[in-house]
C-alpha cells in the first residue's frame, strides 16, 4: 500500500487497514524504516500503557490519532 506522508509526518491509515490489523484510535505503534528506505513497517507496540512523553522519548513510536485534514493541505 502506498500513502502520502503529510505535514508533521502524518500518515493516513485507510479504514480497511485499521479493520484488518485491528488498529484503533489511541493505539501505540512501532515504526520501523525498512532496508530500502522507501517503506515503513507499522506494528502494534506491546506496551499500550505509555504516556505521550514516553512515546516521544522512544523515537520510533507513534499513537494512532484521528485524521486531521490540515496535515495534508
Protein backbone atom coordinates (compact mmCIF):
# COMPACT_ATOMS: atom_id res chain seq x y z
CA UNK A 1 0.00 0.00 0.00
CA UNK A 2 1.30 3.44 -0.89
CA UNK A 3 0.20 6.51 1.08
CA UNK A 4 1.27 10.14 1.04
CA UNK A 5 3.03 11.45 4.13
CA UNK A 6 1.55 14.77 5.18
CA UNK A 7 2.84 17.70 7.18
CA UNK A 8 4.45 16.83 10.50
CA UNK A 9 4.94 13.21 9.34
CA UNK A 10 1.22 12.38 9.33
CA UNK A 11 0.37 9.08 7.60
CA UNK A 12 -3.26 8.31 6.76
CA UNK A 13 -4.38 4.76 7.59
CA UNK A 14 -7.25 3.62 5.35
CA UNK A 15 -10.26 2.15 7.17
CA UNK A 16 -9.72 -1.31 5.66
CA UNK A 17 -6.15 -1.40 7.00
CA UNK A 18 -7.32 -0.48 10.51
CA UNK A 19 -10.04 -3.15 10.38
CA UNK A 20 -7.72 -5.87 9.08
CA UNK A 21 -4.99 -5.11 11.62
CA UNK A 22 -7.39 -4.33 14.48
CA UNK A 23 -5.86 -0.86 14.99
CA UNK A 24 -7.87 1.69 16.95
CA UNK A 25 -7.59 5.38 17.77
CA UNK A 26 -5.16 5.69 20.69
CA UNK A 27 -3.11 2.57 19.87
CA UNK A 28 0.67 2.89 20.09
CA UNK A 29 2.59 1.74 17.00
CA UNK A 30 6.24 0.85 16.50
CA UNK A 31 7.53 2.39 13.24
CA UNK A 32 10.45 0.66 11.53
CA UNK A 33 12.10 2.05 8.39
CA UNK A 34 12.82 -0.87 6.08
CA UNK A 35 16.23 -1.52 4.49
CA UNK A 36 15.20 0.04 1.17
CA UNK A 37 14.42 3.33 2.99
CA UNK A 38 11.27 3.57 0.86
CA UNK A 39 8.85 1.85 3.20
CA UNK A 40 7.83 1.81 6.84
CA UNK A 41 6.60 -1.16 8.82
CA UNK A 42 3.90 -0.30 11.38
CA UNK A 43 3.07 -2.79 14.10
CA UNK A 44 1.15 -2.54 17.34
CA UNK A 45 3.60 -1.97 20.21
CA UNK A 46 3.49 -4.49 23.05
CA UNK A 47 3.18 -1.85 25.84
CA UNK A 48 0.00 0.15 25.23
CA UNK A 49 0.25 1.99 28.59
CA UNK A 50 2.94 4.54 27.67
CA UNK A 51 2.39 8.26 28.18
CA UNK A 52 2.82 10.75 25.33
CA UNK A 53 6.17 11.77 26.85
CA UNK A 54 7.39 8.15 26.87
CA UNK A 55 6.26 7.68 23.27
CA UNK A 56 8.12 10.81 22.18
CA UNK A 57 11.23 9.80 24.13
CA UNK A 58 11.38 6.39 22.45
CA UNK A 59 11.84 7.88 19.00
CA UNK A 60 10.25 5.07 16.96
CA UNK A 61 6.76 5.07 18.45
CA UNK A 62 3.63 6.94 17.49
CA UNK A 63 0.00 6.98 18.58
CA UNK A 64 -2.92 6.46 16.17
CA UNK A 65 -4.90 9.70 16.13
CA UNK A 66 -7.99 10.96 14.34
CA UNK A 67 -7.16 12.19 10.83
CA UNK A 68 -6.95 15.98 10.66
CA UNK A 69 -7.17 17.24 7.08
CA UNK A 70 -4.96 20.29 7.87
CA UNK A 71 -1.95 17.93 7.94
CA UNK A 72 -2.48 17.16 4.24
CA UNK A 73 -3.22 20.61 2.82
